[in-house]
Amino acid sequence: MSFLNQRINRATYWLFIALIMAFAFVISFFNAAGGGTWVVVAMAYIMRLHDLGRTGKWVLLVFAVQFAAGIAVIFADASLHQIGFGLVTLASLAFTIWLGSIKGQPHANLYGQAPGPGIRMKANAKAPA
């Protein structure tokens, strides 16, 4: 997907996260499962990781750890479910905040030119080879 093979700055990342949270909030009123929201979150994570010069494959590791922790909580004593799911949520929140806090690389990298300031939804030019 060439759309994912780009970089987004912190402002654009936080806009994506805010839109995802607003969408999840709205669908919660309809008792609808927001199962597809993780796909959009993964896309935001990948493009933000690209701005840091890292591969989007790190998202697989993050989701695998969250999934494994969730499974472990399910099989734990029922009295620990709330604490366990709370810790998994806290870890996910910490990763989300970390991605939105750290500055991207100021120069071109494998994923394109550095995004300019402000909210940018247009694909960046590919970095010179």
N, C-alpha and C. Protein backbone atom coordinates (compact mmCIF):
# COMPACT_ATOMS: atom_id res chain seq x y z
N MET A 1 0.84 -1.18 0.00
CA MET A 1 0.00 0.00 0.00
C MET A 1 0.88 1.24 0.00
N SER A 2 0.83 1.97 -1.07
CA SER A 2 1.68 3.16 -1.15
C SER A 2 1.22 4.24 -0.18
N PHE A 3 -0.07 4.22 0.19
CA PHE A 3 -0.56 5.19 1.17
C PHE A 3 0.18 5.06 2.49
N LEU A 4 0.49 3.83 2.89
CA LEU A 4 1.19 3.60 4.15
C LEU A 4 2.68 3.86 4.05
N ASN A 5 3.18 3.93 2.84
CA ASN A 5 4.62 4.13 2.65
C ASN A 5 4.95 5.61 2.62
N GLN A 6 4.49 6.32 3.64
CA GLN A 6 4.76 7.74 3.77
C GLN A 6 4.95 8.09 5.24
N ARG A 7 5.18 9.36 5.47
CA ARG A 7 5.43 9.85 6.82
C ARG A 7 4.34 10.85 7.21
N ILE A 8 3.99 10.86 8.49
CA ILE A 8 3.11 11.91 9.00
C ILE A 8 3.76 12.54 10.22
N ASN A 9 3.54 13.83 10.37
CA ASN A 9 4.10 14.52 11.52
C ASN A 9 3.21 14.33 12.75
N ARG A 10 3.61 14.92 13.85
CA ARG A 10 2.87 14.73 15.09
C ARG A 10 1.47 15.32 15.03
N ALA A 11 1.32 16.47 14.39
CA ALA A 11 0.00 17.10 14.31
C ALA A 11 -0.99 16.22 13.55
N THR A 12 -0.57 15.67 12.44
CA THR A 12 -1.43 14.80 11.64
C THR A 12 -1.73 13.52 12.41
N TYR A 13 -0.74 12.98 13.10
CA TYR A 13 -0.93 11.78 13.91
C TYR A 13 -2.00 12.02 14.97
N TRP A 14 -1.90 13.14 15.69
CA TRP A 14 -2.87 13.41 16.74
C TRP A 14 -4.26 13.65 16.17
N LEU A 15 -4.36 14.20 14.96
CA LEU A 15 -5.65 14.34 14.32
C LEU A 15 -6.25 12.96 14.05
N PHE A 16 -5.44 12.04 13.50
CA PHE A 16 -5.91 10.67 13.27
C PHE A 16 -6.40 10.04 14.56
N ILE A 17 -5.62 10.16 15.62
CA ILE A 17 -5.99 9.56 16.90
C ILE A 17 -7.28 10.17 17.42
N ALA A 18 -7.45 11.49 17.31
CA ALA A 18 -8.68 12.15 17.77
C ALA A 18 -9.89 11.67 16.97
N LEU A 19 -9.73 11.53 15.65
CA LEU A 19 -10.83 11.06 14.82
C LEU A 19 -11.20 9.62 15.16
N ILE A 20 -10.21 8.79 15.41
CA ILE A 20 -10.46 7.39 15.78
C ILE A 20 -11.21 7.33 17.11
N MET A 21 -10.78 8.14 18.07
CA MET A 21 -11.44 8.15 19.37
C MET A 21 -12.88 8.66 19.25
N ALA A 22 -13.10 9.69 18.43
CA ALA A 22 -14.45 10.21 18.23
C ALA A 22 -15.34 9.16 17.58
N PHE A 23 -14.81 8.46 16.59
CA PHE A 23 -15.56 7.40 15.93
C PHE A 23 -15.92 6.29 16.92
N ALA A 24 -14.96 5.88 17.71
CA ALA A 24 -15.20 4.81 18.70
C ALA A 24 -16.25 5.26 19.72
N PHE A 25 -16.20 6.52 20.10
CA PHE A 25 -17.17 7.06 21.05
C PHE A 25 -18.58 7.02 20.46
N VAL A 26 -18.72 7.44 19.21
CA VAL A 26 -20.03 7.46 18.56
C VAL A 26 -20.59 6.05 18.40
N ILE A 27 -19.77 5.12 17.93
CA ILE A 27 -20.31 3.76 17.71
C ILE A 27 -20.61 3.05 19.03
N SER A 28 -20.02 3.52 20.12
CA SER A 28 -20.33 2.90 21.41
C SER A 28 -21.78 3.14 21.80
N PHE A 29 -22.41 4.20 21.30
CA PHE A 29 -23.81 4.47 21.60
C PHE A 29 -24.75 3.50 20.89
N PHE A 30 -24.26 2.87 19.85
CA PHE A 30 -25.08 1.96 19.08
C PHE A 30 -24.77 0.49 19.41
N ASN A 31 -24.02 0.27 20.46
CA ASN A 31 -23.60 -1.07 20.86
C ASN A 31 -22.95 -1.83 19.70
N ALA A 32 -22.32 -1.09 18.84
CA ALA A 32 -21.64 -1.70 17.70
C ALA A 32 -20.20 -1.99 18.07
N ALA A 33 -19.70 -3.07 17.54
CA ALA A 33 -18.30 -3.42 17.79
C ALA A 33 -17.41 -2.55 16.91
N GLY A 34 -16.42 -1.96 17.48
CA GLY A 34 -15.49 -1.13 16.73
C GLY A 34 -14.26 -1.91 16.33
N GLY A 35 -14.45 -3.13 15.89
CA GLY A 35 -13.34 -4.01 15.57
C GLY A 35 -12.43 -3.48 14.48
N GLY A 36 -12.97 -2.70 13.57
CA GLY A 36 -12.15 -2.17 12.48
C GLY A 36 -11.29 -0.99 12.86
N THR A 37 -11.53 -0.44 14.05
CA THR A 37 -10.75 0.73 14.44
C THR A 37 -9.27 0.40 14.61
N TRP A 38 -8.96 -0.84 14.97
CA TRP A 38 -7.56 -1.20 15.15
C TRP A 38 -6.79 -1.10 13.84
N VAL A 39 -7.47 -1.29 12.71
CA VAL A 39 -6.81 -1.16 11.40
C VAL A 39 -6.37 0.29 11.18
N VAL A 40 -7.26 1.22 11.50
CA VAL A 40 -6.93 2.64 11.32
C VAL A 40 -5.84 3.06 12.30
N VAL A 41 -5.91 2.54 13.51
CA VAL A 41 -4.86 2.83 14.49
C VAL A 41 -3.52 2.31 13.98
N ALA A 42 -3.51 1.10 13.45
CA ALA A 42 -2.28 0.51 12.91
C ALA A 42 -1.72 1.37 11.78
N MET A 43 -2.60 1.90 10.93
CA MET A 43 -2.15 2.75 9.82
C MET A 43 -1.49 4.02 10.36
N ALA A 44 -2.09 4.64 11.36
CA ALA A 44 -1.51 5.84 11.96
C ALA A 44 -0.16 5.51 12.61
N TYR A 45 -0.10 4.38 13.32
CA TYR A 45 1.15 3.96 13.94
C TYR A 45 2.25 3.76 12.89
N ILE A 46 1.90 3.08 11.80
CA ILE A 46 2.89 2.77 10.77
C ILE A 46 3.46 4.05 10.15
N MET A 47 2.58 4.96 9.77
CA MET A 47 3.06 6.19 9.14
C MET A 47 3.86 7.05 10.12
N ARG A 48 3.50 6.99 11.39
CA ARG A 48 4.26 7.74 12.40
C ARG A 48 5.63 7.09 12.62
N LEU A 49 5.68 5.77 12.65
CA LEU A 49 6.96 5.08 12.78
C LEU A 49 7.86 5.40 11.60
N HIS A 50 7.28 5.52 10.40
CA HIS A 50 8.07 5.89 9.23
C HIS A 50 8.71 7.26 9.42
N ASP A 51 8.00 8.19 10.06
CA ASP A 51 8.58 9.51 10.30
C ASP A 51 9.76 9.42 11.26
N LEU A 52 9.78 8.39 12.07
CA LEU A 52 10.89 8.18 13.01
C LEU A 52 12.02 7.37 12.38
N GLY A 53 11.82 6.96 11.11
CA GLY A 53 12.84 6.17 10.42
C GLY A 53 12.78 4.69 10.75
N ARG A 54 11.68 4.25 11.30
CA ARG A 54 11.53 2.85 11.69
C ARG A 54 10.51 2.16 10.79
N THR A 55 10.65 0.88 10.66
CA THR A 55 9.73 0.10 9.84
C THR A 55 8.38 -0.04 10.54
N GLY A 56 7.33 -0.14 9.75
CA GLY A 56 6.00 -0.33 10.29
C GLY A 56 5.79 -1.70 10.89
N LYS A 57 6.73 -2.61 10.68
CA LYS A 57 6.61 -3.97 11.23
C LYS A 57 6.62 -3.97 12.76
N TRP A 58 7.09 -2.89 13.37
CA TRP A 58 7.07 -2.80 14.83
C TRP A 58 5.64 -2.85 15.36
N VAL A 59 4.68 -2.44 14.52
CA VAL A 59 3.28 -2.48 14.93
C VAL A 59 2.84 -3.92 15.19
N LEU A 60 3.34 -4.85 14.39
CA LEU A 60 3.01 -6.26 14.61
C LEU A 60 3.45 -6.72 16.00
N LEU A 61 4.63 -6.31 16.40
CA LEU A 61 5.13 -6.66 17.73
C LEU A 61 4.25 -6.05 18.82
N VAL A 62 3.89 -4.79 18.65
CA VAL A 62 3.05 -4.12 19.65
C VAL A 62 1.71 -4.83 19.78
N PHE A 63 1.06 -5.12 18.65
CA PHE A 63 -0.24 -5.80 18.70
C PHE A 63 -0.11 -7.23 19.22
N ALA A 64 0.98 -7.91 18.90
CA ALA A 64 1.19 -9.28 19.39
C ALA A 64 1.32 -9.28 20.90
N VAL A 65 2.06 -8.34 21.45
CA VAL A 65 2.22 -8.25 22.90
C VAL A 65 0.88 -7.94 23.56
N GLN A 66 0.12 -7.01 22.97
CA GLN A 66 -1.19 -6.68 23.53
C GLN A 66 -2.13 -7.88 23.47
N PHE A 67 -2.11 -8.59 22.36
CA PHE A 67 -2.96 -9.78 22.22
C PHE A 67 -2.58 -10.85 23.24
N ALA A 68 -1.29 -11.11 23.36
CA ALA A 68 -0.82 -12.13 24.31
C ALA A 68 -1.18 -11.74 25.74
N ALA A 69 -1.02 -10.47 26.07
CA ALA A 69 -1.37 -10.01 27.42
C ALA A 69 -2.87 -10.14 27.65
N GLY A 70 -3.66 -9.82 26.64
CA GLY A 70 -5.11 -9.97 26.76
C GLY A 70 -5.53 -11.41 26.98
N ILE A 71 -4.91 -12.31 26.25
CA ILE A 71 -5.20 -13.75 26.41
C ILE A 71 -4.80 -14.21 27.81
N ALA A 72 -3.64 -13.76 28.28
CA ALA A 72 -3.18 -14.14 29.62
C ALA A 72 -4.16 -13.66 30.68
N VAL A 73 -4.70 -12.45 30.49
CA VAL A 73 -5.66 -11.91 31.45
C VAL A 73 -6.94 -12.74 31.46
N ILE A 74 -7.39 -13.15 30.29
CA ILE A 74 -8.62 -13.94 30.20
C ILE A 74 -8.49 -15.25 30.98
N PHE A 75 -7.31 -15.88 30.91
CA PHE A 75 -7.12 -17.15 31.59
C PHE A 75 -6.69 -16.98 33.05
N ALA A 76 -6.50 -15.74 33.47
CA ALA A 76 -6.13 -15.49 34.87
C ALA A 76 -7.38 -15.57 35.74
N ASP A 77 -7.17 -15.48 37.03
CA ASP A 77 -8.27 -15.46 37.99
C ASP A 77 -9.22 -14.30 37.64
N ALA A 78 -10.52 -14.53 37.74
CA ALA A 78 -11.52 -13.53 37.36
C ALA A 78 -11.35 -12.22 38.13
N SER A 79 -10.83 -12.29 39.34
CA SER A 79 -10.65 -11.07 40.13
C SER A 79 -9.55 -10.17 39.56
N LEU A 80 -8.72 -10.73 38.68
CA LEU A 80 -7.63 -9.95 38.09
C LEU A 80 -7.97 -9.39 36.71
N HIS A 81 -9.15 -9.69 36.17
CA HIS A 81 -9.50 -9.27 34.82
C HIS A 81 -9.45 -7.76 34.65
N GLN A 82 -10.07 -7.03 35.56
CA GLN A 82 -10.09 -5.57 35.42
C GLN A 82 -8.70 -4.98 35.51
N ILE A 83 -7.90 -5.45 36.42
CA ILE A 83 -6.54 -4.95 36.57
C ILE A 83 -5.72 -5.28 35.33
N GLY A 84 -5.83 -6.51 34.86
CA GLY A 84 -5.07 -6.93 33.69
C GLY A 84 -5.43 -6.16 32.45
N PHE A 85 -6.74 -6.02 32.18
CA PHE A 85 -7.15 -5.26 31.00
C PHE A 85 -6.80 -3.78 31.15
N GLY A 86 -6.81 -3.30 32.37
CA GLY A 86 -6.39 -1.92 32.62
C GLY A 86 -4.92 -1.72 32.28
N LEU A 87 -4.09 -2.69 32.65
CA LEU A 87 -2.65 -2.60 32.34
C LEU A 87 -2.39 -2.70 30.84
N VAL A 88 -3.14 -3.56 30.15
CA VAL A 88 -2.99 -3.67 28.69
C VAL A 88 -3.38 -2.35 28.04
N THR A 89 -4.48 -1.76 28.50
CA THR A 89 -4.93 -0.47 27.96
C THR A 89 -3.91 0.61 28.25
N LEU A 90 -3.35 0.60 29.44
CA LEU A 90 -2.34 1.60 29.81
C LEU A 90 -1.10 1.48 28.94
N ALA A 91 -0.67 0.26 28.65
CA ALA A 91 0.49 0.05 27.78
C ALA A 91 0.21 0.56 26.37
N SER A 92 -0.98 0.31 25.87
CA SER A 92 -1.36 0.79 24.55
C SER A 92 -1.39 2.31 24.52
N LEU A 93 -1.93 2.90 25.56
CA LEU A 93 -1.98 4.36 25.67
C LEU A 93 -0.57 4.95 25.73
N ALA A 94 0.32 4.30 26.47
CA ALA A 94 1.70 4.78 26.58
C ALA A 94 2.38 4.75 25.22
N PHE A 95 2.17 3.69 24.44
CA PHE A 95 2.76 3.61 23.10
C PHE A 95 2.20 4.70 22.20
N THR A 96 0.90 4.92 22.26
CA THR A 96 0.25 5.96 21.46
C THR A 96 0.81 7.34 21.80
N ILE A 97 0.96 7.62 23.08
CA ILE A 97 1.50 8.92 23.50
C ILE A 97 2.96 9.05 23.11
N TRP A 98 3.73 7.98 23.26
CA TRP A 98 5.15 8.02 22.88
C TRP A 98 5.29 8.37 21.39
N LEU A 99 4.49 7.71 20.54
CA LEU A 99 4.57 7.98 19.10
C LEU A 99 4.21 9.42 18.79
N GLY A 100 3.27 9.98 19.53
CA GLY A 100 2.85 11.35 19.28
C GLY A 100 3.74 12.39 19.92
N SER A 101 4.65 11.97 20.77
CA SER A 101 5.51 12.92 21.50
C SER A 101 6.89 13.10 20.89
N ILE A 102 7.43 12.06 20.33
CA ILE A 102 8.82 12.10 19.86
C ILE A 102 8.89 12.78 18.49
N LYS A 103 9.92 13.59 18.31
CA LYS A 103 10.11 14.28 17.03
C LYS A 103 10.53 13.31 15.95
N GLY A 104 10.03 13.56 14.74
CA GLY A 104 10.43 12.75 13.59
C GLY A 104 11.81 13.17 13.10
N GLN A 105 12.33 12.40 12.17
CA GLN A 105 13.63 12.73 11.59
C GLN A 105 13.49 13.99 10.73
N PRO A 106 14.38 14.95 10.89
CA PRO A 106 14.25 16.21 10.15
C PRO A 106 14.69 16.11 8.69
N HIS A 107 15.27 14.99 8.31
CA HIS A 107 15.78 14.82 6.96
C HIS A 107 15.01 13.70 6.24
N ALA A 108 15.24 13.58 4.95
CA ALA A 108 14.61 12.51 4.17
C ALA A 108 15.11 11.16 4.67
N ASN A 109 14.22 10.17 4.63
CA ASN A 109 14.61 8.81 4.97
C ASN A 109 14.00 7.87 3.94
N LEU A 110 14.00 6.58 4.19
CA LEU A 110 13.48 5.59 3.24
C LEU A 110 12.02 5.82 2.88
N TYR A 111 11.29 6.53 3.71
CA TYR A 111 9.86 6.68 3.52
C TYR A 111 9.45 8.03 2.96
N GLY A 112 10.40 8.87 2.61
CA GLY A 112 10.08 10.14 1.98
C GLY A 112 10.74 11.32 2.67
N GLN A 113 10.38 12.49 2.17
CA GLN A 113 10.88 13.74 2.74
C GLN A 113 10.21 13.97 4.09
N ALA A 114 10.85 14.78 4.90
CA ALA A 114 10.26 15.12 6.20
C ALA A 114 8.97 15.91 5.96
N PRO A 115 7.89 15.55 6.67
CA PRO A 115 6.65 16.30 6.50
C PRO A 115 6.81 17.71 7.05
N GLY A 116 6.15 18.64 6.40
CA GLY A 116 6.20 20.02 6.87
C GLY A 116 5.37 20.19 8.13
N PRO A 117 5.37 21.39 8.66
CA PRO A 117 4.59 21.65 9.87
C PRO A 117 3.09 21.66 9.55
N GLY A 118 2.28 21.49 10.58
CA GLY A 118 0.83 21.52 10.41
C GLY A 118 0.29 20.16 9.99
N ILE A 119 -1.00 20.14 9.72
CA ILE A 119 -1.66 18.89 9.35
C ILE A 119 -1.51 18.69 7.85
N ARG A 120 -0.92 17.55 7.50
CA ARG A 120 -0.65 17.22 6.10
C ARG A 120 -1.27 15.87 5.77
N MET A 121 -2.14 15.84 4.78
CA MET A 121 -2.76 14.59 4.36
C MET A 121 -2.26 14.16 2.99
N LYS A 122 -1.43 14.96 2.37
CA LYS A 122 -0.92 14.65 1.03
C LYS A 122 0.34 13.80 1.15
N ALA A 123 0.46 12.82 0.26
CA ALA A 123 1.63 11.95 0.27
C ALA A 123 2.88 12.78 0.00
N ASN A 124 3.96 12.41 0.65
CA ASN A 124 5.24 13.09 0.46
C ASN A 124 5.98 12.54 -0.73
N ALA A 125 6.89 13.33 -1.26
CA ALA A 125 7.75 12.85 -2.34
C ALA A 125 8.66 11.77 -1.79
N LYS A 126 8.97 10.81 -2.61
CA LYS A 126 9.86 9.72 -2.20
C LYS A 126 11.27 10.27 -2.02
N ALA A 127 11.95 9.78 -1.02
CA ALA A 127 13.32 10.22 -0.74
C ALA A 127 14.24 9.80 -1.88
N PRO A 128 15.26 10.59 -2.15
CA PRO A 128 16.21 10.21 -3.19
C PRO A 128 16.92 8.92 -2.83
N ALA A 129 17.16 8.10 -3.83
CA ALA A 129 17.81 6.80 -3.60
C ALA A 129 19.29 6.91 -3.42
